Amino acid sequence: MVHIADMANSDLPRFDPVEYARLKLIEGVRGVFNDVPGGEAPVPPSDMAFFAKDSPIRMVHADVVSMMVGGMAALLLQMLHPHALRGVLDFSDFRADMHGRLRRTARFIAVTTYGHSDDAEAAIERVNRIHTKINGTLPDGTPYSATDPRVLAWVHVTEAMMFLEAWLVHVQPDMPMHEQDEYFRQFALIAKRLGADPVPETKAEAMSIFREMRSDLRASPEAREVAALIINGRAKGAAGAVQPFFANAATALIPPFARTMLDLDPPGLGAFPARLVTGALGGTLRWAFRQRV
């Protein structure tokens, strides 16, 4: 007969409920961002990536919550560009599979930020090939193409600005300006390989390009439809419970003129609980992944 005292002194590993919870949380997050049934695994960080460990871009892009908030905000802004919007409407299954599109975008960012440089180059080449097939005409007859450097510049600028702004609001408000500028310089490497032009290499340049390109934007029923889908659509699984808070936080990031063009309400009283939820969840995930700020 085995006594309890003998079990306590045995060499059997002890069950650690905290570590178990941490690993299950990691598993759940990876399931959201990887097509597990399809055999997709997380992107392994490489010492041969484009960017060094602990550099600003790797730090910012590692934060799950701020990247989700910033990504939603960037999409809202991108839909105001008629060429970017039409490409999504004509060549994307965004309406039917928003989660899948967002997952593929997140994987591209992960590969180009953390993956081996060979894998990053291959991912960029694959996107460039896809872009050559995305072209058509706007309702007014104006031609559009996903290879248009100026359209690619708008997509890049909105992503870089919103990713960084979400990081500043929800994670590190006191990030030094030289690190913010370095973030733009690093992200520019990817944007240039995708054919974007102009590409900012400092925060000031990004803000200048953003202001200058505002004249390219247009409000439309289609843009408002996609924005409503982004804001009101429910993510799959547990992520659906926090999606409204992310949506509120994303709406708070974009400028007032963009909210007006997209017919979105200002954050209002929902801003405070959104900040609480995003802050708490972000901190929990950084603990789970053992990330430091």
Protein backbone atom coordinates (compact mmCIF):
# COMPACT_ATOMS: atom_id res chain seq x y z
CA MET A 1 0.00 0.00 0.00
CA VAL A 2 1.29 3.49 -0.92
CA HIS A 3 0.90 6.03 1.86
CA ILE A 4 0.23 9.73 1.28
CA ALA A 5 3.51 10.55 3.01
CA ASP A 6 5.35 8.34 0.56
CA MET A 7 3.64 10.10 -2.36
CA ALA A 8 4.62 13.49 -1.02
CA ASN A 9 8.26 12.41 -0.89
CA SER A 10 8.26 10.71 -4.26
CA ASP A 11 10.06 11.94 -7.34
CA LEU A 12 6.82 12.34 -9.28
CA PRO A 13 6.46 15.85 -10.78
CA ARG A 14 4.06 18.04 -8.85
CA PHE A 15 1.09 19.57 -10.60
CA ASP A 16 1.47 23.35 -10.86
CA PRO A 17 -1.95 24.91 -11.48
CA VAL A 18 -0.44 28.33 -12.28
CA GLU A 19 1.92 26.92 -14.89
CA TYR A 20 -0.91 24.80 -16.29
CA ALA A 21 -3.09 27.91 -16.66
CA ARG A 22 -0.23 29.80 -18.32
CA LEU A 23 0.35 27.04 -20.88
CA LYS A 24 -3.36 26.70 -21.64
CA LEU A 25 -3.57 30.46 -22.19
CA ILE A 26 -0.66 30.31 -24.63
CA GLU A 27 -2.30 27.39 -26.42
CA GLY A 28 -5.55 29.33 -26.75
CA VAL A 29 -3.84 32.41 -28.18
CA ARG A 30 -1.85 30.36 -30.66
CA GLY A 31 -5.07 28.67 -31.74
CA VAL A 32 -6.56 32.06 -32.62
CA PHE A 33 -3.62 33.11 -34.79
CA ASN A 34 -2.73 29.79 -36.41
CA ASP A 35 -4.76 27.41 -38.53
CA VAL A 36 -4.16 24.49 -36.19
CA PRO A 37 -6.55 22.06 -37.97
CA GLY A 38 -4.68 22.86 -41.19
CA GLY A 39 -1.34 22.00 -39.60
CA GLU A 40 -0.16 25.58 -39.15
CA ALA A 41 2.27 26.14 -36.28
CA PRO A 42 3.47 29.37 -34.64
CA VAL A 43 6.32 31.19 -36.37
CA PRO A 44 9.55 30.26 -34.53
CA PRO A 45 11.67 33.34 -33.64
CA SER A 46 14.97 33.26 -35.50
CA ASP A 47 18.38 34.73 -34.75
CA MET A 48 18.58 35.31 -38.50
CA ALA A 49 15.48 37.52 -38.71
CA PHE A 50 15.40 40.95 -40.34
CA PHE A 51 15.43 42.55 -36.89
CA ALA A 52 17.50 41.96 -33.77
CA LYS A 53 16.02 40.71 -30.52
CA ASP A 54 14.67 43.41 -28.20
CA SER A 55 14.52 45.93 -31.05
CA PRO A 56 11.43 48.22 -31.13
CA ILE A 57 9.60 46.42 -33.92
CA ARG A 58 9.95 43.02 -32.27
CA MET A 59 8.81 44.46 -28.96
CA VAL A 60 5.75 46.24 -30.40
CA HIS A 61 4.65 43.39 -32.68
CA ALA A 62 4.89 40.85 -29.85
CA ASP A 63 2.07 42.40 -27.84
CA VAL A 64 -1.08 40.51 -28.79
CA VAL A 65 -3.70 42.91 -27.43
CA SER A 66 -2.25 46.20 -28.66
CA MET A 67 -1.62 44.65 -32.08
CA MET A 68 -5.24 43.51 -32.32
CA VAL A 69 -6.48 46.97 -31.35
CA GLY A 70 -4.03 48.70 -33.67
CA GLY A 71 -4.82 46.28 -36.49
CA MET A 72 -8.54 47.01 -36.25
CA ALA A 73 -7.85 50.75 -36.26
CA ALA A 74 -5.59 50.41 -39.30
CA LEU A 75 -8.26 48.47 -41.20
CA LEU A 76 -10.82 51.17 -40.47
CA LEU A 77 -8.52 53.82 -41.91
CA GLN A 78 -7.57 51.69 -44.91
CA MET A 79 -11.21 51.28 -45.91
CA LEU A 80 -11.40 55.06 -46.46
CA HIS A 81 -9.06 54.73 -49.43
CA PRO A 82 -11.29 53.83 -52.40
CA HIS A 83 -8.58 51.74 -54.10
CA ALA A 84 -7.78 49.71 -50.99
CA LEU A 85 -11.48 49.27 -50.28
CA ARG A 86 -12.30 48.07 -53.79
CA GLY A 87 -9.47 45.55 -53.70
CA VAL A 88 -10.93 44.08 -50.50
CA LEU A 89 -14.46 44.00 -51.91
CA ASP A 90 -13.50 42.51 -55.29
CA PHE A 91 -10.79 40.02 -54.32
CA SER A 92 -11.31 39.13 -50.68
CA ASP A 93 -13.60 36.86 -48.70
CA PHE A 94 -13.44 39.40 -45.87
CA ARG A 95 -17.20 39.47 -45.34
CA ALA A 96 -17.47 35.69 -45.03
CA ASP A 97 -14.14 35.02 -43.30
CA MET A 98 -12.93 38.10 -41.47
CA HIS A 99 -11.11 35.95 -38.91
CA GLY A 100 -9.21 34.08 -41.61
CA ARG A 101 -8.08 37.28 -43.32
CA LEU A 102 -6.92 38.80 -40.05
CA ARG A 103 -5.12 35.59 -39.14
CA ARG A 104 -3.25 35.59 -42.46
CA THR A 105 -2.26 39.22 -42.00
CA ALA A 106 -1.04 38.50 -38.47
CA ARG A 107 1.04 35.59 -39.74
CA PHE A 108 2.65 37.75 -42.42
CA ILE A 109 3.63 40.28 -39.76
CA ALA A 110 4.98 37.51 -37.53
CA VAL A 111 7.07 35.94 -40.31
CA THR A 112 8.54 39.25 -41.47
CA THR A 113 9.24 40.41 -37.91
CA TYR A 114 10.52 37.24 -36.21
CA GLY A 115 11.03 34.57 -38.84
CA HIS A 116 14.23 33.65 -40.62
CA SER A 117 15.08 36.27 -43.24
CA ASP A 118 14.72 33.66 -46.01
CA ASP A 119 11.17 32.91 -44.86
CA ALA A 120 10.43 36.62 -44.57
CA GLU A 121 11.65 37.26 -48.11
CA ALA A 122 9.56 34.36 -49.40
CA ALA A 123 6.46 35.73 -47.66
CA ILE A 124 7.02 39.16 -49.18
CA GLU A 125 7.52 37.70 -52.65
CA ARG A 126 4.30 35.71 -52.26
CA VAL A 127 2.33 38.83 -51.31
CA ASN A 128 3.86 40.76 -54.22
CA ARG A 129 2.76 38.01 -56.62
CA ILE A 130 -0.77 38.10 -55.23
CA HIS A 131 -0.87 41.89 -55.58
CA THR A 132 -0.15 41.66 -59.33
CA LYS A 133 -3.46 39.84 -59.74
CA ILE A 134 -5.52 42.41 -57.82
CA ASN A 135 -6.65 45.11 -60.21
CA GLY A 136 -9.84 46.45 -61.67
CA THR A 137 -11.91 49.60 -61.87
CA LEU A 138 -13.74 51.72 -59.33
CA PRO A 139 -17.48 52.40 -59.81
CA ASP A 140 -16.55 55.67 -61.55
CA GLY A 141 -14.32 53.85 -64.03
CA THR A 142 -11.00 54.77 -62.41
CA PRO A 143 -8.51 51.88 -62.64
CA TYR A 144 -6.97 50.53 -59.46
CA SER A 145 -4.15 48.10 -58.69
CA ALA A 146 -2.80 46.57 -55.50
CA THR A 147 0.70 47.31 -56.82
CA ASP A 148 0.08 51.08 -56.79
CA PRO A 149 2.94 52.45 -54.62
CA ARG A 150 0.78 55.24 -53.18
CA VAL A 151 -2.01 52.87 -52.12
CA LEU A 152 0.57 50.55 -50.57
CA ALA A 153 1.99 53.59 -48.78
CA TRP A 154 -1.40 54.35 -47.23
CA VAL A 155 -1.79 50.74 -46.08
CA HIS A 156 1.69 50.79 -44.56
CA VAL A 157 1.40 54.20 -42.89
CA THR A 158 -1.91 53.35 -41.26
CA GLU A 159 -0.57 50.04 -39.95
CA ALA A 160 2.67 51.50 -38.62
CA MET A 161 0.96 54.47 -36.97
CA MET A 162 -1.88 52.46 -35.43
CA PHE A 163 0.29 49.56 -34.22
CA LEU A 164 2.63 52.01 -32.52
CA GLU A 165 -0.17 54.22 -31.18
CA ALA A 166 -1.92 51.21 -29.64
CA TRP A 167 1.38 50.24 -28.00
CA LEU A 168 1.80 53.77 -26.62
CA VAL A 169 -1.76 53.95 -25.31
CA HIS A 170 -2.07 50.47 -23.86
CA VAL A 171 1.45 49.34 -23.01
CA GLN A 172 4.27 51.88 -22.90
CA PRO A 173 3.19 55.54 -22.91
CA ASP A 174 6.73 56.68 -22.10
CA MET A 175 8.44 54.95 -25.03
CA PRO A 176 11.36 57.24 -25.97
CA MET A 177 10.98 59.11 -29.26
CA HIS A 178 14.20 57.67 -30.65
CA GLU A 179 12.73 54.18 -30.20
CA GLN A 180 9.52 55.28 -31.90
CA ASP A 181 11.53 56.59 -34.84
CA GLU A 182 13.51 53.35 -34.94
CA TYR A 183 10.23 51.44 -35.14
CA PHE A 184 9.31 53.35 -38.30
CA ARG A 185 12.80 52.82 -39.77
CA GLN A 186 12.56 49.09 -39.17
CA PHE A 187 9.03 48.71 -40.49
CA ALA A 188 10.07 50.70 -43.59
CA LEU A 189 12.28 47.79 -44.65
CA ILE A 190 9.21 45.62 -45.19
CA ALA A 191 7.13 48.37 -46.78
CA LYS A 192 9.82 49.15 -49.37
CA ARG A 193 10.10 45.48 -50.31
CA LEU A 194 6.33 45.49 -50.89
CA GLY A 195 6.65 48.45 -53.25
CA ALA A 196 5.20 51.22 -51.08
CA ASP A 197 6.19 54.81 -51.81
CA PRO A 198 6.52 57.16 -49.98
CA VAL A 199 7.66 55.26 -46.89
CA PRO A 200 8.28 57.11 -43.60
CA GLU A 201 11.38 56.42 -41.55
CA THR A 202 10.46 58.61 -38.57
CA LYS A 203 7.26 59.34 -36.70
CA ALA A 204 7.25 62.91 -37.97
CA GLU A 205 7.49 61.69 -41.57
CA ALA A 206 4.64 59.24 -40.96
CA MET A 207 2.39 61.98 -39.61
CA SER A 208 3.27 64.22 -42.57
CA ILE A 209 2.46 61.49 -45.12
CA PHE A 210 -0.76 60.69 -43.27
CA ARG A 211 -1.89 64.32 -43.47
CA GLU A 212 -0.90 64.64 -47.13
CA MET A 213 -2.74 61.46 -48.16
CA ARG A 214 -5.95 62.47 -46.42
CA SER A 215 -7.01 64.08 -49.70
CA ASP A 216 -7.11 60.56 -51.27
CA LEU A 217 -9.79 59.35 -48.86
CA ARG A 218 -13.48 59.07 -49.57
CA ALA A 219 -16.51 58.23 -47.45
CA SER A 220 -18.83 55.64 -49.01
CA PRO A 221 -21.60 53.23 -48.06
CA GLU A 222 -19.23 50.34 -48.77
CA ALA A 223 -16.56 51.75 -46.44
CA ARG A 224 -19.15 52.17 -43.70
CA GLU A 225 -20.39 48.61 -44.29
CA VAL A 226 -16.91 47.13 -43.88
CA ALA A 227 -16.26 49.35 -40.85
CA ALA A 228 -19.46 48.10 -39.22
CA LEU A 229 -18.34 44.52 -39.87
CA ILE A 230 -14.97 45.23 -38.23
CA ILE A 231 -16.58 46.92 -35.23
CA ASN A 232 -19.60 44.66 -34.73
CA GLY A 233 -18.36 41.33 -36.07
CA ARG A 234 -17.78 38.63 -33.50
CA ALA A 235 -14.45 36.87 -33.37
CA LYS A 236 -14.41 33.12 -32.96
CA GLY A 237 -14.09 31.42 -29.59
CA ALA A 238 -13.16 33.22 -26.40
CA ALA A 239 -11.90 36.21 -28.39
CA GLY A 240 -15.53 37.07 -29.13
CA ALA A 241 -16.11 38.07 -25.52
CA VAL A 242 -13.45 40.79 -25.60
CA GLN A 243 -13.96 41.88 -29.21
CA PRO A 244 -16.38 44.74 -28.32
CA PHE A 245 -13.78 46.19 -25.96
CA PHE A 246 -11.09 45.95 -28.66
CA ALA A 247 -13.46 47.62 -31.12
CA ASN A 248 -14.08 50.50 -28.72
CA ALA A 249 -10.34 50.89 -28.16
CA ALA A 250 -9.70 50.84 -31.92
CA THR A 251 -12.35 53.47 -32.54
CA ALA A 252 -10.68 55.65 -29.94
CA LEU A 253 -7.36 55.45 -31.82
CA ILE A 254 -8.51 56.76 -35.19
CA PRO A 255 -8.87 60.52 -35.76
CA PRO A 256 -12.30 62.16 -35.36
CA PHE A 257 -12.52 62.93 -39.09
CA ALA A 258 -12.22 59.20 -39.85
CA ARG A 259 -14.94 58.29 -37.34
CA THR A 260 -17.22 60.84 -39.01
CA MET A 261 -16.50 59.48 -42.50
CA LEU A 262 -17.17 55.93 -41.32
CA ASP A 263 -20.27 56.93 -39.33
CA LEU A 264 -18.79 55.55 -36.12
CA ASP A 265 -19.75 56.81 -32.70
CA PRO A 266 -16.98 58.23 -30.51
CA PRO A 267 -15.82 55.89 -27.72
CA GLY A 268 -17.88 57.75 -25.08
CA LEU A 269 -18.49 56.06 -21.76
CA GLY A 270 -17.29 52.75 -23.15
CA ALA A 271 -13.72 54.03 -23.36
CA PHE A 272 -12.97 53.47 -19.66
CA PRO A 273 -14.06 49.80 -19.45
CA ALA A 274 -12.32 49.19 -22.79
CA ARG A 275 -9.07 50.51 -21.34
CA LEU A 276 -9.53 48.34 -18.24
CA VAL A 277 -10.19 45.17 -20.22
CA THR A 278 -7.42 45.71 -22.77
CA GLY A 279 -4.99 46.62 -20.00
CA ALA A 280 -5.84 43.60 -17.86
CA LEU A 281 -5.84 41.15 -20.76
CA GLY A 282 -2.65 42.61 -22.21
CA GLY A 283 -0.88 42.28 -18.88
CA THR A 284 -2.09 38.72 -18.47
CA LEU A 285 -0.84 37.70 -21.90
CA ARG A 286 2.51 39.38 -21.37
CA TRP A 287 2.80 37.36 -18.16
CA ALA A 288 1.85 34.17 -19.97
CA PHE A 289 4.38 34.71 -22.75
CA ARG A 290 6.93 36.06 -20.23
CA GLN A 291 7.34 39.31 -22.11
CA ARG A 292 8.90 42.35 -20.52
CA VAL A 293 8.15 45.98 -21.28
